[in-house]
Amino acid sequence: MGDEIEVRREDQDRINQFSRLHQHELSIEDELKTKNKEKEELEDITSELELADEEDTVPYKIGEAFFHLPLPQAQELLGLSTARIEEEVGELEEKMGAVREEMTQLKVELYARFGKTINLET
């Protein structure tokens, strides 16, 4: 058939790049889910500690061990942990945006070349 489009080396490179980006996107999505769950848990703990008495000591996990810390110190550490997680989530969302932008550009180029003969839906 004369309708078949030849797949050039640069086309195959773009297809491969799209596939790698898609795998990277899935990896970032998983990491984002984990970080968002961790962030939610920290926020829940922060809310719980707001109900505690100022003079209380509370168990705080550092690594694999629990330490009994004064409430204000535990709240400060929670705040630092929450800020760190929020920063990590922001960085992951930026990476995700960049990956999706590059994938969109590759889709445009590949669909322009191959039309309906290629399926890049993820």
PDB file of N, CA and C in Angstrom:
ATOM      1  N   MET A   1       0.838  -1.187   0.000  1.00  0.00           N
ATOM      2  CA  MET A   1       0.000   0.000   0.000  1.00  0.00           C
ATOM      3  C   MET A   1       0.876   1.240   0.000  1.00  0.00           C
ATOM      4  N   GLY A   2       0.462   2.249  -0.701  1.00  0.00           N
ATOM      5  CA  GLY A   2       1.201   3.490  -0.792  1.00  0.00           C
ATOM      6  C   GLY A   2       0.932   4.421   0.381  1.00  0.00           C
ATOM      7  N   ASP A   3      -0.052   4.074   1.228  1.00  0.00           N
ATOM      8  CA  ASP A   3      -0.428   4.938   2.349  1.00  0.00           C
ATOM      9  C   ASP A   3       0.478   4.763   3.559  1.00  0.00           C
ATOM     10  N   GLU A   4       1.275   3.710   3.597  1.00  0.00           N
ATOM     11  CA  GLU A   4       2.131   3.465   4.751  1.00  0.00           C
ATOM     12  C   GLU A   4       3.227   4.509   4.836  1.00  0.00           C
ATOM     13  N   ILE A   5       3.469   4.971   6.043  1.00  0.00           N
ATOM     14  CA  ILE A   5       4.486   5.988   6.270  1.00  0.00           C
ATOM     15  C   ILE A   5       5.732   5.300   6.814  1.00  0.00           C
ATOM     16  N   GLU A   6       6.843   5.628   6.212  1.00  0.00           N
ATOM     17  CA  GLU A   6       8.106   5.049   6.659  1.00  0.00           C
ATOM     18  C   GLU A   6       8.479   5.613   8.035  1.00  0.00           C
ATOM     19  N   VAL A   7       8.884   4.719   8.933  1.00  0.00           N
ATOM     20  CA  VAL A   7       9.331   5.142  10.260  1.00  0.00           C
ATOM     21  C   VAL A   7      10.837   5.390  10.176  1.00  0.00           C
ATOM     22  N   ARG A   8      11.176   6.660  10.270  1.00  0.00           N
ATOM     23  CA  ARG A   8      12.582   7.036  10.211  1.00  0.00           C
ATOM     24  C   ARG A   8      13.226   6.876  11.579  1.00  0.00           C
ATOM     25  N   ARG A   9      14.525   6.917  11.592  1.00  0.00           N
ATOM     26  CA  ARG A   9      15.273   6.791  12.850  1.00  0.00           C
ATOM     27  C   ARG A   9      14.842   7.860  13.851  1.00  0.00           C
ATOM     28  N   GLU A  10      14.701   9.109  13.408  1.00  0.00           N
ATOM     29  CA  GLU A  10      14.310  10.185  14.336  1.00  0.00           C
ATOM     30  C   GLU A  10      12.882   9.978  14.852  1.00  0.00           C
ATOM     31  N   ASP A  11      12.020   9.346  14.026  1.00  0.00           N
ATOM     32  CA  ASP A  11      10.667   9.042  14.487  1.00  0.00           C
ATOM     33  C   ASP A  11      10.720   8.003  15.608  1.00  0.00           C
ATOM     34  N   GLN A  12      11.517   6.970  15.379  1.00  0.00           N
ATOM     35  CA  GLN A  12      11.644   5.920  16.393  1.00  0.00           C
ATOM     36  C   GLN A  12      12.251   6.488  17.677  1.00  0.00           C
ATOM     37  N   ASP A  13      13.204   7.391  17.542  1.00  0.00           N
ATOM     38  CA  ASP A  13      13.791   8.047  18.723  1.00  0.00           C
ATOM     39  C   ASP A  13      12.733   8.833  19.495  1.00  0.00           C
ATOM     40  N   ARG A  14      11.856   9.511  18.776  1.00  0.00           N
ATOM     41  CA  ARG A  14      10.784  10.276  19.439  1.00  0.00           C
ATOM     42  C   ARG A  14       9.796   9.338  20.140  1.00  0.00           C
ATOM     43  N   ILE A  15       9.469   8.246  19.476  1.00  0.00           N
ATOM     44  CA  ILE A  15       8.557   7.260  20.075  1.00  0.00           C
ATOM     45  C   ILE A  15       9.185   6.684  21.343  1.00  0.00           C
ATOM     46  N   ASN A  16      10.456   6.341  21.266  1.00  0.00           N
ATOM     47  CA  ASN A  16      11.163   5.803  22.440  1.00  0.00           C
ATOM     48  C   ASN A  16      11.222   6.837  23.562  1.00  0.00           C
ATOM     49  N   GLN A  17      11.484   8.089  23.209  1.00  0.00           N
ATOM     50  CA  GLN A  17      11.538   9.158  24.201  1.00  0.00           C
ATOM     51  C   GLN A  17      10.175   9.326  24.874  1.00  0.00           C
ATOM     52  N   PHE A  18       9.104   9.267  24.078  1.00  0.00           N
ATOM     53  CA  PHE A  18       7.755   9.366  24.631  1.00  0.00           C
ATOM     54  C   PHE A  18       7.509   8.235  25.632  1.00  0.00           C
ATOM     55  N   SER A  19       7.918   7.034  25.276  1.00  0.00           N
ATOM     56  CA  SER A  19       7.736   5.879  26.149  1.00  0.00           C
ATOM     57  C   SER A  19       8.509   6.047  27.460  1.00  0.00           C
ATOM     58  N   ARG A  20       9.751   6.507  27.375  1.00  0.00           N
ATOM     59  CA  ARG A  20      10.555   6.743  28.590  1.00  0.00           C
ATOM     60  C   ARG A  20       9.911   7.817  29.464  1.00  0.00           C
ATOM     61  N   LEU A  21       9.426   8.879  28.821  1.00  0.00           N
ATOM     62  CA  LEU A  21       8.777   9.955  29.574  1.00  0.00           C
ATOM     63  C   LEU A  21       7.508   9.451  30.262  1.00  0.00           C
ATOM     64  N   HIS A  22       6.772   8.602  29.576  1.00  0.00           N
ATOM     65  CA  HIS A  22       5.552   8.044  30.165  1.00  0.00           C
ATOM     66  C   HIS A  22       5.899   7.220  31.407  1.00  0.00           C
ATOM     67  N   GLN A  23       6.932   6.410  31.329  1.00  0.00           N
ATOM     68  CA  GLN A  23       7.357   5.618  32.490  1.00  0.00           C
ATOM     69  C   GLN A  23       7.810   6.528  33.630  1.00  0.00           C
ATOM     70  N   HIS A  24       8.521   7.587  33.286  1.00  0.00           N
ATOM     71  CA  HIS A  24       8.969   8.558  34.290  1.00  0.00           C
ATOM     72  C   HIS A  24       7.763   9.254  34.926  1.00  0.00           C
ATOM     73  N   GLU A  25       6.766   9.570  34.114  1.00  0.00           N
ATOM     74  CA  GLU A  25       5.544  10.191  34.611  1.00  0.00           C
ATOM     75  C   GLU A  25       4.859   9.282  35.636  1.00  0.00           C
ATOM     76  N   LEU A  26       4.763   7.991  35.331  1.00  0.00           N
ATOM     77  CA  LEU A  26       4.139   7.041  36.255  1.00  0.00           C
ATOM     78  C   LEU A  26       4.910   6.959  37.568  1.00  0.00           C
ATOM     79  N   SER A  27       6.225   6.985  37.465  1.00  0.00           N
ATOM     80  CA  SER A  27       7.072   6.947  38.657  1.00  0.00           C
ATOM     81  C   SER A  27       6.858   8.186  39.527  1.00  0.00           C
ATOM     82  N   ILE A  28       6.793   9.344  38.888  1.00  0.00           N
ATOM     83  CA  ILE A  28       6.567  10.594  39.623  1.00  0.00           C
ATOM     84  C   ILE A  28       5.182  10.573  40.266  1.00  0.00           C
ATOM     85  N   GLU A  29       4.182  10.062  39.553  1.00  0.00           N
ATOM     86  CA  GLU A  29       2.824   9.972  40.103  1.00  0.00           C
ATOM     87  C   GLU A  29       2.811   9.137  41.377  1.00  0.00           C
ATOM     88  N   ASP A  30       3.497   8.001  41.344  1.00  0.00           N
ATOM     89  CA  ASP A  30       3.561   7.139  42.533  1.00  0.00           C
ATOM     90  C   ASP A  30       4.231   7.861  43.695  1.00  0.00           C
ATOM     91  N   GLU A  31       5.328   8.523  43.404  1.00  0.00           N
ATOM     92  CA  GLU A  31       6.042   9.252  44.443  1.00  0.00           C
ATOM     93  C   GLU A  31       5.178  10.389  45.004  1.00  0.00           C
ATOM     94  N   LEU A  32       4.452  11.070  44.123  1.00  0.00           N
ATOM     95  CA  LEU A  32       3.550  12.143  44.565  1.00  0.00           C
ATOM     96  C   LEU A  32       2.450  11.606  45.478  1.00  0.00           C
ATOM     97  N   LYS A  33       1.881  10.462  45.134  1.00  0.00           N
ATOM     98  CA  LYS A  33       0.847   9.864  45.976  1.00  0.00           C
ATOM     99  C   LYS A  33       1.396   9.570  47.370  1.00  0.00           C
ATOM    100  N   THR A  34       2.599   9.016  47.412  1.00  0.00           N
ATOM    101  CA  THR A  34       3.225   8.692  48.692  1.00  0.00           C
ATOM    102  C   THR A  34       3.473   9.950  49.514  1.00  0.00           C
ATOM    103  N   LYS A  35       4.023  10.977  48.880  1.00  0.00           N
ATOM    104  CA  LYS A  35       4.321  12.230  49.591  1.00  0.00           C
ATOM    105  C   LYS A  35       3.045  12.917  50.055  1.00  0.00           C
ATOM    106  N   ASN A  36       2.002  12.913  49.242  1.00  0.00           N
ATOM    107  CA  ASN A  36       0.740  13.538  49.633  1.00  0.00           C
ATOM    108  C   ASN A  36       0.096  12.794  50.803  1.00  0.00           C
ATOM    109  N   LYS A  37       0.219  11.457  50.807  1.00  0.00           N
ATOM    110  CA  LYS A  37      -0.306  10.675  51.929  1.00  0.00           C
ATOM    111  C   LYS A  37       0.481  11.024  53.196  1.00  0.00           C
ATOM    112  N   GLU A  38       1.781  11.106  53.081  1.00  0.00           N
ATOM    113  CA  GLU A  38       2.628  11.469  54.215  1.00  0.00           C
ATOM    114  C   GLU A  38       2.268  12.870  54.730  1.00  0.00           C
ATOM    115  N   LYS A  39       2.030  13.793  53.800  1.00  0.00           N
ATOM    116  CA  LYS A  39       1.652  15.161  54.165  1.00  0.00           C
ATOM    117  C   LYS A  39       0.324  15.172  54.922  1.00  0.00           C
ATOM    118  N   GLU A  40      -0.645  14.403  54.423  1.00  0.00           N
ATOM    119  CA  GLU A  40      -1.943  14.306  55.101  1.00  0.00           C
ATOM    120  C   GLU A  40      -1.783  13.777  56.520  1.00  0.00           C
ATOM    121  N   GLU A  41      -0.954  12.745  56.670  1.00  0.00           N
ATOM    122  CA  GLU A  41      -0.727  12.166  57.991  1.00  0.00           C
ATOM    123  C   GLU A  41      -0.104  13.189  58.937  1.00  0.00           C
ATOM    124  N   LEU A  42       0.864  13.954  58.442  1.00  0.00           N
ATOM    125  CA  LEU A  42       1.483  14.991  59.273  1.00  0.00           C
ATOM    126  C   LEU A  42       0.463  16.054  59.677  1.00  0.00           C
ATOM    127  N   GLU A  43      -0.400  16.423  58.747  1.00  0.00           N
ATOM    128  CA  GLU A  43      -1.440  17.410  59.055  1.00  0.00           C
ATOM    129  C   GLU A  43      -2.423  16.869  60.087  1.00  0.00           C
ATOM    130  N   ASP A  44      -2.767  15.570  59.987  1.00  0.00           N
ATOM    131  CA  ASP A  44      -3.659  14.956  60.976  1.00  0.00           C
ATOM    132  C   ASP A  44      -3.013  14.961  62.360  1.00  0.00           C
ATOM    133  N   ILE A  45      -1.743  14.615  62.415  1.00  0.00           N
ATOM    134  CA  ILE A  45      -1.025  14.598  63.697  1.00  0.00           C
ATOM    135  C   ILE A  45      -0.960  16.010  64.271  1.00  0.00           C
ATOM    136  N   THR A  46      -0.692  16.984  63.423  1.00  0.00           N
ATOM    137  CA  THR A  46      -0.629  18.379  63.870  1.00  0.00           C
ATOM    138  C   THR A  46      -1.959  18.791  64.486  1.00  0.00           C
ATOM    139  N   SER A  47      -3.060  18.409  63.844  1.00  0.00           N
ATOM    140  CA  SER A  47      -4.395  18.726  64.369  1.00  0.00           C
ATOM    141  C   SER A  47      -4.630  18.048  65.717  1.00  0.00           C
ATOM    142  N   GLU A  48      -4.211  16.806  65.824  1.00  0.00           N
ATOM    143  CA  GLU A  48      -4.369  16.063  67.081  1.00  0.00           C
ATOM    144  C   GLU A  48      -3.588  16.739  68.209  1.00  0.00           C
ATOM    145  N   LEU A  49      -2.386  17.186  67.899  1.00  0.00           N
ATOM    146  CA  LEU A  49      -1.540  17.788  68.938  1.00  0.00           C
ATOM    147  C   LEU A  49      -2.076  19.137  69.409  1.00  0.00           C
ATOM    148  N   GLU A  50      -2.884  19.787  68.593  1.00  0.00           N
ATOM    149  CA  GLU A  50      -3.474  21.061  69.010  1.00  0.00           C
ATOM    150  C   GLU A  50      -4.409  20.874  70.201  1.00  0.00           C
ATOM    151  N   LEU A  51      -4.888  19.650  70.385  1.00  0.00           N
ATOM    152  CA  LEU A  51      -5.789  19.351  71.497  1.00  0.00           C
ATOM    153  C   LEU A  51      -5.037  18.964  72.772  1.00  0.00           C
ATOM    154  N   ALA A  52      -3.742  18.725  72.655  1.00  0.00           N
ATOM    155  CA  ALA A  52      -2.949  18.285  73.812  1.00  0.00           C
ATOM    156  C   ALA A  52      -2.636  19.452  74.738  1.00  0.00           C
ATOM    157  N   ASP A  53      -2.304  19.102  75.963  1.00  0.00           N
ATOM    158  CA  ASP A  53      -1.956  20.084  76.987  1.00  0.00           C
ATOM    159  C   ASP A  53      -0.504  20.528  76.777  1.00  0.00           C
ATOM    160  N   GLU A  54      -0.229  21.812  76.961  1.00  0.00           N
ATOM    161  CA  GLU A  54       1.111  22.395  76.755  1.00  0.00           C
ATOM    162  C   GLU A  54       2.199  21.674  77.551  1.00  0.00           C
ATOM    163  N   GLU A  55       1.852  21.172  78.739  1.00  0.00           N
ATOM    164  CA  GLU A  55       2.871  20.531  79.587  1.00  0.00           C
ATOM    165  C   GLU A  55       3.089  19.066  79.238  1.00  0.00           C
ATOM    166  N   ASP A  56       2.286  18.533  78.338  1.00  0.00           N
ATOM    167  CA  ASP A  56       2.416  17.118  77.987  1.00  0.00           C
ATOM    168  C   ASP A  56       3.704  16.857  77.212  1.00  0.00           C
ATOM    169  N   THR A  57       4.203  15.638  77.382  1.00  0.00           N
ATOM    170  CA  THR A  57       5.245  15.158  76.469  1.00  0.00           C
ATOM    171  C   THR A  57       4.536  14.192  75.529  1.00  0.00           C
ATOM    172  N   VAL A  58       4.982  14.186  74.303  1.00  0.00           N
ATOM    173  CA  VAL A  58       4.341  13.328  73.302  1.00  0.00           C
ATOM    174  C   VAL A  58       5.401  12.476  72.627  1.00  0.00           C
ATOM    175  N   PRO A  59       5.025  11.248  72.230  1.00  0.00           N
ATOM    176  CA  PRO A  59       5.988  10.419  71.513  1.00  0.00           C
ATOM    177  C   PRO A  59       6.195  10.974  70.103  1.00  0.00           C
ATOM    178  N   TYR A  60       7.454  11.077  69.708  1.00  0.00           N
ATOM    179  CA  TYR A  60       7.786  11.591  68.381  1.00  0.00           C
ATOM    180  C   TYR A  60       8.769  10.626  67.743  1.00  0.00           C
ATOM    181  N   LYS A  61       8.453  10.161  66.548  1.00  0.00           N
ATOM    182  CA  LYS A  61       9.284   9.169  65.879  1.00  0.00           C
ATOM    183  C   LYS A  61      10.394   9.854  65.090  1.00  0.00           C
ATOM    184  N   ILE A  62      11.607   9.449  65.400  1.00  0.00           N
ATOM    185  CA  ILE A  62      12.779   9.911  64.647  1.00  0.00           C
ATOM    186  C   ILE A  62      13.495   8.654  64.185  1.00  0.00           C
ATOM    187  N   GLY A  63      13.504   8.446  62.870  1.00  0.00           N
ATOM    188  CA  GLY A  63      14.064   7.202  62.344  1.00  0.00           C
ATOM    189  C   GLY A  63      13.160   6.049  62.741  1.00  0.00           C
ATOM    190  N   GLU A  64      13.711   5.084  63.460  1.00  0.00           N
ATOM    191  CA  GLU A  64      12.942   3.921  63.904  1.00  0.00           C
ATOM    192  C   GLU A  64      12.594   3.986  65.383  1.00  0.00           C
ATOM    193  N   ALA A  65      13.019   5.050  66.073  1.00  0.00           N
ATOM    194  CA  ALA A  65      12.808   5.149  67.514  1.00  0.00           C
ATOM    195  C   ALA A  65      11.819   6.265  67.850  1.00  0.00           C
ATOM    196  N   PHE A  66      11.139   6.084  68.973  1.00  0.00           N
ATOM    197  CA  PHE A  66      10.244   7.115  69.491  1.00  0.00           C
ATOM    198  C   PHE A  66      10.905   7.800  70.673  1.00  0.00           C
ATOM    199  N   PHE A  67      10.781   9.118  70.712  1.00  0.00           N
ATOM    200  CA  PHE A  67      11.299   9.922  71.806  1.00  0.00           C
ATOM    201  C   PHE A  67      10.133  10.699  72.397  1.00  0.00           C
ATOM    202  N   HIS A  68      10.138  10.845  73.707  1.00  0.00           N
ATOM    203  CA  HIS A  68       9.115  11.660  74.360  1.00  0.00           C
ATOM    204  C   HIS A  68       9.633  13.086  74.413  1.00  0.00           C
ATOM    205  N   LEU A  69       8.950  13.966  73.686  1.00  0.00           N
ATOM    206  CA  LEU A  69       9.365  15.367  73.586  1.00  0.00           C
ATOM    207  C   LEU A  69       8.294  16.272  74.178  1.00  0.00           C
ATOM    208  N   PRO A  70       8.716  17.434  74.676  1.00  0.00           N
ATOM    209  CA  PRO A  70       7.711  18.416  75.096  1.00  0.00           C
ATOM    210  C   PRO A  70       6.855  18.808  73.887  1.00  0.00           C
ATOM    211  N   LEU A  71       5.583  19.063  74.130  1.00  0.00           N
ATOM    212  CA  LEU A  71       4.632  19.376  73.059  1.00  0.00           C
ATOM    213  C   LEU A  71       5.128  20.464  72.107  1.00  0.00           C
ATOM    214  N   PRO A  72       5.627  21.619  72.618  1.00  0.00           N
ATOM    215  CA  PRO A  72       6.070  22.665  71.679  1.00  0.00           C
ATOM    216  C   PRO A  72       7.195  22.196  70.741  1.00  0.00           C
ATOM    217  N   GLN A  73       8.113  21.399  71.266  1.00  0.00           N
ATOM    218  CA  GLN A  73       9.216  20.901  70.427  1.00  0.00           C
ATOM    219  C   GLN A  73       8.684  19.933  69.368  1.00  0.00           C
ATOM    220  N   ALA A  74       7.762  19.068  69.765  1.00  0.00           N
ATOM    221  CA  ALA A  74       7.167  18.130  68.805  1.00  0.00           C
ATOM    222  C   ALA A  74       6.421  18.888  67.709  1.00  0.00           C
ATOM    223  N   GLN A  75       5.689  19.944  68.096  1.00  0.00           N
ATOM    224  CA  GLN A  75       4.957  20.738  67.102  1.00  0.00           C
ATOM    225  C   GLN A  75       5.921  21.444  66.146  1.00  0.00           C
ATOM    226  N   GLU A  76       7.035  21.924  66.675  1.00  0.00           N
ATOM    227  CA  GLU A  76       8.034  22.578  65.816  1.00  0.00           C
ATOM    228  C   GLU A  76       8.621  21.588  64.819  1.00  0.00           C
ATOM    229  N   LEU A  77       8.962  20.384  65.303  1.00  0.00           N
ATOM    230  CA  LEU A  77       9.504  19.360  64.403  1.00  0.00           C
ATOM    231  C   LEU A  77       8.478  18.947  63.349  1.00  0.00           C
ATOM    232  N   LEU A  78       7.228  18.849  63.752  1.00  0.00           N
ATOM    233  CA  LEU A  78       6.169  18.525  62.789  1.00  0.00           C
ATOM    234  C   LEU A  78       6.051  19.614  61.723  1.00  0.00           C
ATOM    235  N   GLY A  79       6.154  20.855  62.155  1.00  0.00           N
ATOM    236  CA  GLY A  79       6.091  21.968  61.211  1.00  0.00           C
ATOM    237  C   GLY A  79       7.224  21.910  60.198  1.00  0.00           C
ATOM    238  N   LEU A  80       8.421  21.573  60.679  1.00  0.00           N
ATOM    239  CA  LEU A  80       9.575  21.446  59.777  1.00  0.00           C
ATOM    240  C   LEU A  80       9.377  20.283  58.805  1.00  0.00           C
ATOM    241  N   SER A  81       8.876  19.170  59.323  1.00  0.00           N
ATOM    242  CA  SER A  81       8.629  18.007  58.460  1.00  0.00           C
ATOM    243  C   SER A  81       7.573  18.310  57.410  1.00  0.00           C
ATOM    244  N   THR A  82       6.526  19.013  57.824  1.00  0.00           N
ATOM    245  CA  THR A  82       5.462  19.378  56.886  1.00  0.00           C
ATOM    246  C   THR A  82       5.989  20.313  55.802  1.00  0.00           C
ATOM    247  N   ALA A  83       6.810  21.283  56.190  1.00  0.00           N
ATOM    248  CA  ALA A  83       7.387  22.214  55.217  1.00  0.00           C
ATOM    249  C   ALA A  83       8.284  21.467  54.219  1.00  0.00           C
ATOM    250  N   ARG A  84       9.058  20.507  54.721  1.00  0.00           N
ATOM    251  CA  ARG A  84       9.935  19.714  53.855  1.00  0.00           C
ATOM    252  C   ARG A  84       9.118  18.913  52.850  1.00  0.00           C
ATOM    253  N   ILE A  85       8.048  18.276  53.339  1.00  0.00           N
ATOM    254  CA  ILE A  85       7.192  17.477  52.454  1.00  0.00           C
ATOM    255  C   ILE A  85       6.524  18.366  51.416  1.00  0.00           C
ATOM    256  N   GLU A  86       6.050  19.538  51.829  1.00  0.00           N
ATOM    257  CA  GLU A  86       5.409  20.457  50.878  1.00  0.00           C
ATOM    258  C   GLU A  86       6.391  20.888  49.800  1.00  0.00           C
ATOM    259  N   GLU A  87       7.642  21.108  50.180  1.00  0.00           N
ATOM    260  CA  GLU A  87       8.671  21.479  49.199  1.00  0.00           C
ATOM    261  C   GLU A  87       8.911  20.329  48.226  1.00  0.00           C
ATOM    262  N   GLU A  88       9.000  19.114  48.752  1.00  0.00           N
ATOM    263  CA  GLU A  88       9.208  17.940  47.899  1.00  0.00           C
ATOM    264  C   GLU A  88       8.037  17.738  46.945  1.00  0.00           C
ATOM    265  N   VAL A  89       6.821  17.933  47.443  1.00  0.00           N
ATOM    266  CA  VAL A  89       5.628  17.808  46.594  1.00  0.00           C
ATOM    267  C   VAL A  89       5.677  18.853  45.476  1.00  0.00           C
ATOM    268  N   GLY A  90       6.054  20.085  45.824  1.00  0.00           N
ATOM    269  CA  GLY A  90       6.165  21.144  44.819  1.00  0.00           C
ATOM    270  C   GLY A  90       7.177  20.804  43.737  1.00  0.00           C
ATOM    271  N   GLU A  91       8.325  20.263  44.162  1.00  0.00           N
ATOM    272  CA  GLU A  91       9.361  19.882  43.193  1.00  0.00           C
ATOM    273  C   GLU A  91       8.863  18.761  42.284  1.00  0.00           C
ATOM    274  N   LEU A  92       8.172  17.782  42.859  1.00  0.00           N
ATOM    275  CA  LEU A  92       7.642  16.677  42.055  1.00  0.00           C
ATOM    276  C   LEU A  92       6.587  17.172  41.073  1.00  0.00           C
ATOM    277  N   GLU A  93       5.742  18.104  41.513  1.00  0.00           N
ATOM    278  CA  GLU A  93       4.722  18.653  40.614  1.00  0.00           C
ATOM    279  C   GLU A  93       5.358  19.427  39.469  1.00  0.00           C
ATOM    280  N   GLU A  94       6.462  20.128  39.754  1.00  0.00           N
ATOM    281  CA  GLU A  94       7.186  20.824  38.680  1.00  0.00           C
ATOM    282  C   GLU A  94       7.760  19.826  37.688  1.00  0.00           C
ATOM    283  N   LYS A  95       8.367  18.750  38.201  1.00  0.00           N
ATOM    284  CA  LYS A  95       8.918  17.705  37.323  1.00  0.00           C
ATOM    285  C   LYS A  95       7.811  17.106  36.464  1.00  0.00           C
ATOM    286  N   MET A  96       6.670  16.845  37.103  1.00  0.00           N
ATOM    287  CA  MET A  96       5.540  16.258  36.385  1.00  0.00           C
ATOM    288  C   MET A  96       5.092  17.191  35.265  1.00  0.00           C
ATOM    289  N   GLY A  97       5.008  18.473  35.550  1.00  0.00           N
ATOM    290  CA  GLY A  97       4.612  19.442  34.533  1.00  0.00           C
ATOM    291  C   GLY A  97       5.577  19.455  33.358  1.00  0.00           C
ATOM    292  N   ALA A  98       6.876  19.405  33.657  1.00  0.00           N
ATOM    293  CA  ALA A  98       7.883  19.409  32.591  1.00  0.00           C
ATOM    294  C   ALA A  98       7.795  18.144  31.741  1.00  0.00           C
ATOM    295  N   VAL A  99       7.605  17.007  32.385  1.00  0.00           N
ATOM    296  CA  VAL A  99       7.486  15.740  31.665  1.00  0.00           C
ATOM    297  C   VAL A  99       6.250  15.763  30.770  1.00  0.00           C
ATOM    298  N   ARG A 100       5.139  16.219  31.314  1.00  0.00           N
ATOM    299  CA  ARG A 100       3.894  16.256  30.522  1.00  0.00           C
ATOM    300  C   ARG A 100       3.995  17.236  29.364  1.00  0.00           C
ATOM    301  N   GLU A 101       4.677  18.340  29.591  1.00  0.00           N
ATOM    302  CA  GLU A 101       4.871  19.320  28.515  1.00  0.00           C
ATOM    303  C   GLU A 101       5.684  18.700  27.378  1.00  0.00           C
ATOM    304  N   GLU A 102       6.757  18.003  27.739  1.00  0.00           N
ATOM    305  CA  GLU A 102       7.591  17.357  26.709  1.00  0.00           C
ATOM    306  C   GLU A 102       6.802  16.259  25.989  1.00  0.00           C
ATOM    307  N   MET A 103       5.996  15.511  26.734  1.00  0.00           N
ATOM    308  CA  MET A 103       5.182  14.467  26.110  1.00  0.00           C
ATOM    309  C   MET A 103       4.180  15.076  25.131  1.00  0.00           C
ATOM    310  N   THR A 104       3.582  16.190  25.507  1.00  0.00           N
ATOM    311  CA  THR A 104       2.620  16.866  24.636  1.00  0.00           C
ATOM    312  C   THR A 104       3.296  17.296  23.339  1.00  0.00           C
ATOM    313  N   GLN A 105       4.506  17.844  23.450  1.00  0.00           N
ATOM    314  CA  GLN A 105       5.238  18.272  22.257  1.00  0.00           C
ATOM    315  C   GLN A 105       5.546  17.084  21.352  1.00  0.00           C
ATOM    316  N   LEU A 106       5.971  15.973  21.958  1.00  0.00           N
ATOM    317  CA  LEU A 106       6.250  14.770  21.167  1.00  0.00           C
ATOM    318  C   LEU A 106       4.977  14.247  20.500  1.00  0.00           C
ATOM    319  N   LYS A 107       3.854  14.291  21.213  1.00  0.00           N
ATOM    320  CA  LYS A 107       2.578  13.859  20.631  1.00  0.00           C
ATOM    321  C   LYS A 107       2.251  14.691  19.398  1.00  0.00           C
ATOM    322  N   VAL A 108       2.412  16.010  19.518  1.00  0.00           N
ATOM    323  CA  VAL A 108       2.117  16.902  18.397  1.00  0.00           C
ATOM    324  C   VAL A 108       2.961  16.514  17.193  1.00  0.00           C
ATOM    325  N   GLU A 109       4.250  16.333  17.426  1.00  0.00           N
ATOM    326  CA  GLU A 109       5.163  16.001  16.325  1.00  0.00           C
ATOM    327  C   GLU A 109       4.828  14.642  15.710  1.00  0.00           C
ATOM    328  N   LEU A 110       4.573  13.653  16.573  1.00  0.00           N
ATOM    329  CA  LEU A 110       4.327  12.304  16.058  1.00  0.00           C
ATOM    330  C   LEU A 110       2.960  12.174  15.396  1.00  0.00           C
ATOM    331  N   TYR A 111       1.937  12.810  15.957  1.00  0.00           N
ATOM    332  CA  TYR A 111       0.624  12.770  15.317  1.00  0.00           C
ATOM    333  C   TYR A 111       0.643  13.541  13.994  1.00  0.00           C
ATOM    334  N   ALA A 112       1.430  14.612  13.935  1.00  0.00           N
ATOM    335  CA  ALA A 112       1.556  15.358  12.680  1.00  0.00           C
ATOM    336  C   ALA A 112       2.165  14.461  11.599  1.00  0.00           C
ATOM    337  N   ARG A 113       3.098  13.643  11.980  1.00  0.00           N
ATOM    338  CA  ARG A 113       3.780  12.775  11.015  1.00  0.00           C
ATOM    339  C   ARG A 113       2.958  11.528  10.688  1.00  0.00           C
ATOM    340  N   PHE A 114       2.351  10.886  11.705  1.00  0.00           N
ATOM    341  CA  PHE A 114       1.710   9.594  11.515  1.00  0.00           C
ATOM    342  C   PHE A 114       0.188   9.614  11.541  1.00  0.00           C
ATOM    343  N   GLY A 115      -0.386  10.722  11.973  1.00  0.00           N
ATOM    344  CA  GLY A 115      -1.851  10.811  12.032  1.00  0.00           C
ATOM    345  C   GLY A 115      -2.443   9.741  12.925  1.00  0.00           C
ATOM    346  N   LYS A 116      -3.480   9.067  12.410  1.00  0.00           N
ATOM    347  CA  LYS A 116      -4.199   8.062  13.191  1.00  0.00           C
ATOM    348  C   LYS A 116      -3.495   6.706  13.205  1.00  0.00           C
ATOM    349  N   THR A 117      -2.382   6.585  12.526  1.00  0.00           N
ATOM    350  CA  THR A 117      -1.686   5.296  12.481  1.00  0.00           C
ATOM    351  C   THR A 117      -0.851   5.061  13.738  1.00  0.00           C
ATOM    352  N   ILE A 118      -0.792   6.041  14.630  1.00  0.00           N
ATOM    353  CA  ILE A 118      -0.034   5.881  15.871  1.00  0.00           C
ATOM    354  C   ILE A 118      -0.962   6.206  17.047  1.00  0.00           C
ATOM    355  N   ASN A 119      -0.791   5.460  18.129  1.00  0.00           N
ATOM    356  CA  ASN A 119      -1.609   5.697  19.315  1.00  0.00           C
ATOM    357  C   ASN A 119      -0.686   6.004  20.487  1.00  0.00           C
ATOM    358  N   LEU A 120      -0.737   7.244  20.948  1.00  0.00           N
ATOM    359  CA  LEU A 120       0.124   7.669  22.054  1.00  0.00           C
ATOM    360  C   LEU A 120      -0.679   7.997  23.307  1.00  0.00           C
ATOM    361  N   GLU A 121      -1.914   7.527  23.355  1.00  0.00           N
ATOM    362  CA  GLU A 121      -2.728   7.815  24.532  1.00  0.00           C
ATOM    363  C   GLU A 121      -2.226   6.958  25.697  1.00  0.00           C
ATOM    364  N   THR A 122      -2.127   7.597  26.843  1.00  0.00           N
ATOM    365  CA  THR A 122      -1.584   6.889  28.016  1.00  0.00           C
ATOM    366  C   THR A 122      -2.665   6.646  29.042  1.00  0.00           C
TER     367      THR A 122
END
